[in-house]
């Protein structure tokens, strides 16, 4: 697992919560009927929106943030 600082993890967690819970259209993704998003599309759209999101960072946030 890559090393990330606590601020980066917290900021990424907050960003993901905002996008996935409240405003997916903010980065141009559409959730399916059950509220799920394609991970590759999520990462790509986040990067296009200027966020530094990688699969490794996403995996770390999921594993460590509450």
PDB file of N, CA and C in Angstrom:
ATOM      1  N   UNK A   1       0.846  -1.182   0.000  1.00  0.00           N
ATOM      2  CA  UNK A   1       0.000   0.000   0.000  1.00  0.00           C
ATOM      3  C   UNK A   1       0.889   1.242   0.000  1.00  0.00           C
ATOM      4  N   UNK A   2       0.579   2.170  -0.867  1.00  0.00           N
ATOM      5  CA  UNK A   2       1.355   3.405  -0.956  1.00  0.00           C
ATOM      6  C   UNK A   2       1.147   4.239   0.304  1.00  0.00           C
ATOM      7  N   UNK A   3       2.098   5.119   0.564  1.00  0.00           N
ATOM      8  CA  UNK A   3       2.019   6.001   1.737  1.00  0.00           C
ATOM      9  C   UNK A   3       1.354   7.318   1.346  1.00  0.00           C
ATOM     10  N   UNK A   4       0.377   7.711   2.105  1.00  0.00           N
ATOM     11  CA  UNK A   4      -0.307   8.989   1.914  1.00  0.00           C
ATOM     12  C   UNK A   4      -0.409   9.656   3.275  1.00  0.00           C
ATOM     13  N   UNK A   5      -0.362  10.991   3.290  1.00  0.00           N
ATOM     14  CA  UNK A   5      -0.490  11.670   4.570  1.00  0.00           C
ATOM     15  C   UNK A   5      -1.968  11.765   4.963  1.00  0.00           C
ATOM     16  N   UNK A   6      -2.200  12.022   6.231  1.00  0.00           N
ATOM     17  CA  UNK A   6      -3.562  12.042   6.766  1.00  0.00           C
ATOM     18  C   UNK A   6      -4.442  13.089   6.092  1.00  0.00           C
ATOM     19  N   UNK A   7      -3.874  14.253   5.782  1.00  0.00           N
ATOM     20  CA  UNK A   7      -4.656  15.303   5.126  1.00  0.00           C
ATOM     21  C   UNK A   7      -5.111  14.851   3.749  1.00  0.00           C
ATOM     22  N   UNK A   8      -4.217  14.244   2.992  1.00  0.00           N
ATOM     23  CA  UNK A   8      -4.567  13.766   1.657  1.00  0.00           C
ATOM     24  C   UNK A   8      -5.671  12.700   1.733  1.00  0.00           C
ATOM     25  N   UNK A   9      -5.556  11.807   2.702  1.00  0.00           N
ATOM     26  CA  UNK A   9      -6.580  10.776   2.864  1.00  0.00           C
ATOM     27  C   UNK A   9      -7.922  11.382   3.264  1.00  0.00           C
ATOM     28  N   UNK A  10      -7.903  12.309   4.208  1.00  0.00           N
ATOM     29  CA  UNK A  10      -9.144  12.945   4.659  1.00  0.00           C
ATOM     30  C   UNK A  10      -9.779  13.769   3.544  1.00  0.00           C
ATOM     31  N   UNK A  11      -8.973  14.538   2.822  1.00  0.00           N
ATOM     32  CA  UNK A  11      -9.497  15.351   1.720  1.00  0.00           C
ATOM     33  C   UNK A  11     -10.106  14.473   0.629  1.00  0.00           C
ATOM     34  N   UNK A  12      -9.443  13.385   0.315  1.00  0.00           N
ATOM     35  CA  UNK A  12      -9.955  12.471  -0.708  1.00  0.00           C
ATOM     36  C   UNK A  12     -11.245  11.811  -0.239  1.00  0.00           C
ATOM     37  N   UNK A  13     -11.297  11.426   1.020  1.00  0.00           N
ATOM     38  CA  UNK A  13     -12.501  10.827   1.579  1.00  0.00           C
ATOM     39  C   UNK A  13     -13.682  11.791   1.506  1.00  0.00           C
ATOM     40  N   UNK A  14     -13.458  13.037   1.861  1.00  0.00           N
ATOM     41  CA  UNK A  14     -14.518  14.053   1.801  1.00  0.00           C
ATOM     42  C   UNK A  14     -14.969  14.288   0.369  1.00  0.00           C
ATOM     43  N   UNK A  15     -14.016  14.345  -0.557  1.00  0.00           N
ATOM     44  CA  UNK A  15     -14.345  14.523  -1.966  1.00  0.00           C
ATOM     45  C   UNK A  15     -15.213  13.362  -2.463  1.00  0.00           C
ATOM     46  N   UNK A  16     -14.815  12.144  -2.147  1.00  0.00           N
ATOM     47  CA  UNK A  16     -15.579  10.977  -2.587  1.00  0.00           C
ATOM     48  C   UNK A  16     -16.976  10.963  -1.971  1.00  0.00           C
ATOM     49  N   UNK A  17     -17.089  11.331  -0.711  1.00  0.00           N
ATOM     50  CA  UNK A  17     -18.399  11.398  -0.063  1.00  0.00           C
ATOM     51  C   UNK A  17     -19.288  12.416  -0.756  1.00  0.00           C
ATOM     52  N   UNK A  18     -18.746  13.576  -1.046  1.00  0.00           N
ATOM     53  CA  UNK A  18     -19.510  14.621  -1.730  1.00  0.00           C
ATOM     54  C   UNK A  18     -19.990  14.130  -3.087  1.00  0.00           C
ATOM     55  N   UNK A  19     -19.067  13.594  -3.874  1.00  0.00           N
ATOM     56  CA  UNK A  19     -19.404  13.176  -5.237  1.00  0.00           C
ATOM     57  C   UNK A  19     -20.359  11.980  -5.240  1.00  0.00           C
ATOM     58  N   UNK A  20     -20.073  10.982  -4.445  1.00  0.00           N
ATOM     59  CA  UNK A  20     -20.867   9.756  -4.507  1.00  0.00           C
ATOM     60  C   UNK A  20     -22.193   9.842  -3.753  1.00  0.00           C
ATOM     61  N   UNK A  21     -22.267  10.666  -2.727  1.00  0.00           N
ATOM     62  CA  UNK A  21     -23.510  10.768  -1.951  1.00  0.00           C
ATOM     63  C   UNK A  21     -24.402  11.913  -2.396  1.00  0.00           C
ATOM     64  N   UNK A  22     -23.777  13.005  -2.842  1.00  0.00           N
ATOM     65  CA  UNK A  22     -24.555  14.217  -3.043  1.00  0.00           C
ATOM     66  C   UNK A  22     -24.568  14.761  -4.468  1.00  0.00           C
ATOM     67  N   UNK A  23     -23.429  14.735  -5.151  1.00  0.00           N
ATOM     68  CA  UNK A  23     -23.380  15.450  -6.421  1.00  0.00           C
ATOM     69  C   UNK A  23     -22.452  14.778  -7.435  1.00  0.00           C
ATOM     70  N   UNK A  24     -22.812  13.613  -7.942  1.00  0.00           N
ATOM     71  CA  UNK A  24     -21.962  12.951  -8.933  1.00  0.00           C
ATOM     72  C   UNK A  24     -21.793  13.779 -10.201  1.00  0.00           C
ATOM     73  N   UNK A  25     -22.790  14.573 -10.518  1.00  0.00           N
ATOM     74  CA  UNK A  25     -22.705  15.410 -11.722  1.00  0.00           C
ATOM     75  C   UNK A  25     -21.615  16.477 -11.622  1.00  0.00           C
ATOM     76  N   UNK A  26     -21.114  16.733 -10.416  1.00  0.00           N
ATOM     77  CA  UNK A  26     -20.041  17.722 -10.246  1.00  0.00           C
ATOM     78  C   UNK A  26     -18.787  17.331 -11.017  1.00  0.00           C
ATOM     79  N   UNK A  27     -18.592  16.018 -11.221  1.00  0.00           N
ATOM     80  CA  UNK A  27     -17.439  15.573 -12.013  1.00  0.00           C
ATOM     81  C   UNK A  27     -17.878  14.824 -13.271  1.00  0.00           C
ATOM     82  N   UNK A  28     -19.177  14.812 -13.530  1.00  0.00           N
ATOM     83  CA  UNK A  28     -19.669  14.223 -14.769  1.00  0.00           C
ATOM     84  C   UNK A  28     -19.888  12.722 -14.763  1.00  0.00           C
ATOM     85  N   UNK A  29     -20.154  12.150 -13.596  1.00  0.00           N
ATOM     86  CA  UNK A  29     -20.469  10.719 -13.586  1.00  0.00           C
ATOM     87  C   UNK A  29     -21.955  10.529 -13.293  1.00  0.00           C
ATOM     88  N   UNK A  30     -22.446   9.374 -13.687  1.00  0.00           N
ATOM     89  CA  UNK A  30     -23.829   9.001 -13.419  1.00  0.00           C
ATOM     90  C   UNK A  30     -23.796   7.685 -12.653  1.00  0.00           C
ATOM     91  N   UNK A  31     -24.490   7.664 -11.539  1.00  0.00           N
ATOM     92  CA  UNK A  31     -24.577   6.440 -10.746  1.00  0.00           C
ATOM     93  C   UNK A  31     -25.648   5.531 -11.343  1.00  0.00           C
ATOM     94  N   UNK A  32     -25.488   4.224 -11.167  1.00  0.00           N
ATOM     95  CA  UNK A  32     -26.505   3.308 -11.679  1.00  0.00           C
ATOM     96  C   UNK A  32     -27.725   3.321 -10.752  1.00  0.00           C
ATOM     97  N   UNK A  33     -28.714   2.515 -11.060  1.00  0.00           N
ATOM     98  CA  UNK A  33     -29.967   2.528 -10.301  1.00  0.00           C
ATOM     99  C   UNK A  33     -29.781   2.201  -8.824  1.00  0.00           C
ATOM    100  N   UNK A  34     -28.738   1.449  -8.517  1.00  0.00           N
ATOM    101  CA  UNK A  34     -28.468   1.092  -7.124  1.00  0.00           C
ATOM    102  C   UNK A  34     -27.519   2.068  -6.439  1.00  0.00           C
ATOM    103  N   UNK A  35     -27.087   3.103  -7.157  1.00  0.00           N
ATOM    104  CA  UNK A  35     -26.207   4.110  -6.575  1.00  0.00           C
ATOM    105  C   UNK A  35     -24.726   3.811  -6.703  1.00  0.00           C
ATOM    106  N   UNK A  36     -24.364   2.875  -7.567  1.00  0.00           N
ATOM    107  CA  UNK A  36     -22.965   2.501  -7.771  1.00  0.00           C
ATOM    108  C   UNK A  36     -22.371   3.265  -8.944  1.00  0.00           C
ATOM    109  N   UNK A  37     -21.054   3.447  -8.880  1.00  0.00           N
ATOM    110  CA  UNK A  37     -20.314   4.097  -9.970  1.00  0.00           C
ATOM    111  C   UNK A  37     -19.218   3.158 -10.452  1.00  0.00           C
ATOM    112  N   UNK A  38     -18.913   3.224 -11.731  1.00  0.00           N
ATOM    113  CA  UNK A  38     -17.787   2.486 -12.279  1.00  0.00           C
ATOM    114  C   UNK A  38     -16.497   3.117 -11.753  1.00  0.00           C
ATOM    115  N   UNK A  39     -15.628   2.320 -11.165  1.00  0.00           N
ATOM    116  CA  UNK A  39     -14.415   2.848 -10.531  1.00  0.00           C
ATOM    117  C   UNK A  39     -13.495   3.534 -11.536  1.00  0.00           C
ATOM    118  N   UNK A  40     -13.285   2.916 -12.681  1.00  0.00           N
ATOM    119  CA  UNK A  40     -12.400   3.531 -13.679  1.00  0.00           C
ATOM    120  C   UNK A  40     -12.947   4.871 -14.149  1.00  0.00           C
ATOM    121  N   UNK A  41     -14.269   4.955 -14.357  1.00  0.00           N
ATOM    122  CA  UNK A  41     -14.891   6.217 -14.773  1.00  0.00           C
ATOM    123  C   UNK A  41     -14.796   7.253 -13.653  1.00  0.00           C
ATOM    124  N   UNK A  42     -15.003   6.829 -12.414  1.00  0.00           N
ATOM    125  CA  UNK A  42     -14.871   7.731 -11.265  1.00  0.00           C
ATOM    126  C   UNK A  42     -13.475   8.338 -11.217  1.00  0.00           C
ATOM    127  N   UNK A  43     -12.461   7.504 -11.350  1.00  0.00           N
ATOM    128  CA  UNK A  43     -11.078   7.984 -11.303  1.00  0.00           C
ATOM    129  C   UNK A  43     -10.798   8.933 -12.458  1.00  0.00           C
ATOM    130  N   UNK A  44     -11.195   8.545 -13.671  1.00  0.00           N
ATOM    131  CA  UNK A  44     -10.955   9.380 -14.849  1.00  0.00           C
ATOM    132  C   UNK A  44     -11.653  10.734 -14.728  1.00  0.00           C
ATOM    133  N   UNK A  45     -12.907  10.732 -14.330  1.00  0.00           N
ATOM    134  CA  UNK A  45     -13.653  11.990 -14.194  1.00  0.00           C
ATOM    135  C   UNK A  45     -13.089  12.863 -13.077  1.00  0.00           C
ATOM    136  N   UNK A  46     -12.663  12.255 -11.992  1.00  0.00           N
ATOM    137  CA  UNK A  46     -12.048  13.018 -10.903  1.00  0.00           C
ATOM    138  C   UNK A  46     -10.757  13.666 -11.381  1.00  0.00           C
ATOM    139  N   UNK A  47      -9.959  12.921 -12.129  1.00  0.00           N
ATOM    140  CA  UNK A  47      -8.709  13.474 -12.661  1.00  0.00           C
ATOM    141  C   UNK A  47      -8.988  14.614 -13.634  1.00  0.00           C
ATOM    142  N   UNK A  48      -9.990  14.455 -14.488  1.00  0.00           N
ATOM    143  CA  UNK A  48     -10.358  15.524 -15.428  1.00  0.00           C
ATOM    144  C   UNK A  48     -10.835  16.766 -14.685  1.00  0.00           C
ATOM    145  N   UNK A  49     -11.409  16.563 -13.500  1.00  0.00           N
ATOM    146  CA  UNK A  49     -11.881  17.682 -12.678  1.00  0.00           C
ATOM    147  C   UNK A  49     -10.761  18.281 -11.831  1.00  0.00           C
ATOM    148  N   UNK A  50      -9.535  17.774 -12.010  1.00  0.00           N
ATOM    149  CA  UNK A  50      -8.387  18.346 -11.308  1.00  0.00           C
ATOM    150  C   UNK A  50      -8.027  17.677  -9.997  1.00  0.00           C
ATOM    151  N   UNK A  51      -8.675  16.573  -9.672  1.00  0.00           N
ATOM    152  CA  UNK A  51      -8.371  15.859  -8.429  1.00  0.00           C
ATOM    153  C   UNK A  51      -7.313  14.801  -8.688  1.00  0.00           C
ATOM    154  N   UNK A  52      -6.398  14.645  -7.763  1.00  0.00           N
ATOM    155  CA  UNK A  52      -5.357  13.623  -7.873  1.00  0.00           C
ATOM    156  C   UNK A  52      -5.908  12.333  -7.276  1.00  0.00           C
ATOM    157  N   UNK A  53      -6.577  11.552  -8.099  1.00  0.00           N
ATOM    158  CA  UNK A  53      -7.154  10.302  -7.622  1.00  0.00           C
ATOM    159  C   UNK A  53      -6.599   9.156  -8.453  1.00  0.00           C
ATOM    160  N   UNK A  54      -6.064   8.179  -7.773  1.00  0.00           N
ATOM    161  CA  UNK A  54      -5.555   6.971  -8.417  1.00  0.00           C
ATOM    162  C   UNK A  54      -6.238   5.774  -7.776  1.00  0.00           C
ATOM    163  N   UNK A  55      -6.098   4.624  -8.392  1.00  0.00           N
ATOM    164  CA  UNK A  55      -6.682   3.410  -7.812  1.00  0.00           C
ATOM    165  C   UNK A  55      -6.034   3.115  -6.460  1.00  0.00           C
ATOM    166  N   UNK A  56      -4.723   3.322  -6.365  1.00  0.00           N
ATOM    167  CA  UNK A  56      -4.031   3.060  -5.098  1.00  0.00           C
ATOM    168  C   UNK A  56      -4.538   3.989  -3.993  1.00  0.00           C
ATOM    169  N   UNK A  57      -4.727   5.259  -4.308  1.00  0.00           N
ATOM    170  CA  UNK A  57      -5.242   6.207  -3.318  1.00  0.00           C
ATOM    171  C   UNK A  57      -6.673   5.837  -2.936  1.00  0.00           C
ATOM    172  N   UNK A  58      -7.499   5.521  -3.908  1.00  0.00           N
ATOM    173  CA  UNK A  58      -8.874   5.115  -3.635  1.00  0.00           C
ATOM    174  C   UNK A  58      -8.911   3.882  -2.732  1.00  0.00           C
ATOM    175  N   UNK A  59      -8.105   2.883  -3.049  1.00  0.00           N
ATOM    176  CA  UNK A  59      -8.050   1.671  -2.225  1.00  0.00           C
ATOM    177  C   UNK A  59      -7.617   1.981  -0.796  1.00  0.00           C
ATOM    178  N   UNK A  60      -6.657   2.887  -0.643  1.00  0.00           N
ATOM    179  CA  UNK A  60      -6.176   3.256   0.691  1.00  0.00           C
ATOM    180  C   UNK A  60      -7.257   3.985   1.478  1.00  0.00           C
ATOM    181  N   UNK A  61      -7.969   4.895   0.825  1.00  0.00           N
ATOM    182  CA  UNK A  61      -9.056   5.614   1.495  1.00  0.00           C
ATOM    183  C   UNK A  61     -10.132   4.630   1.947  1.00  0.00           C
ATOM    184  N   UNK A  62     -10.514   3.724   1.075  1.00  0.00           N
ATOM    185  CA  UNK A  62     -11.545   2.741   1.423  1.00  0.00           C
ATOM    186  C   UNK A  62     -11.097   1.871   2.598  1.00  0.00           C
ATOM    187  N   UNK A  63      -9.831   1.515   2.619  1.00  0.00           N
ATOM    188  CA  UNK A  63      -9.317   0.628   3.667  1.00  0.00           C
ATOM    189  C   UNK A  63      -9.089   1.326   5.004  1.00  0.00           C
ATOM    190  N   UNK A  64      -8.880   2.649   4.996  1.00  0.00           N
ATOM    191  CA  UNK A  64      -8.451   3.314   6.226  1.00  0.00           C
ATOM    192  C   UNK A  64      -9.388   4.381   6.770  1.00  0.00           C
ATOM    193  N   UNK A  65     -10.230   4.966   5.958  1.00  0.00           N
ATOM    194  CA  UNK A  65     -11.074   6.065   6.422  1.00  0.00           C
ATOM    195  C   UNK A  65     -12.423   5.538   6.889  1.00  0.00           C
ATOM    196  N   UNK A  66     -12.979   6.232   7.870  1.00  0.00           N
ATOM    197  CA  UNK A  66     -14.282   5.827   8.416  1.00  0.00           C
ATOM    198  C   UNK A  66     -15.334   6.825   8.058  1.00  0.00           C
TER     199      UNK A  66
END
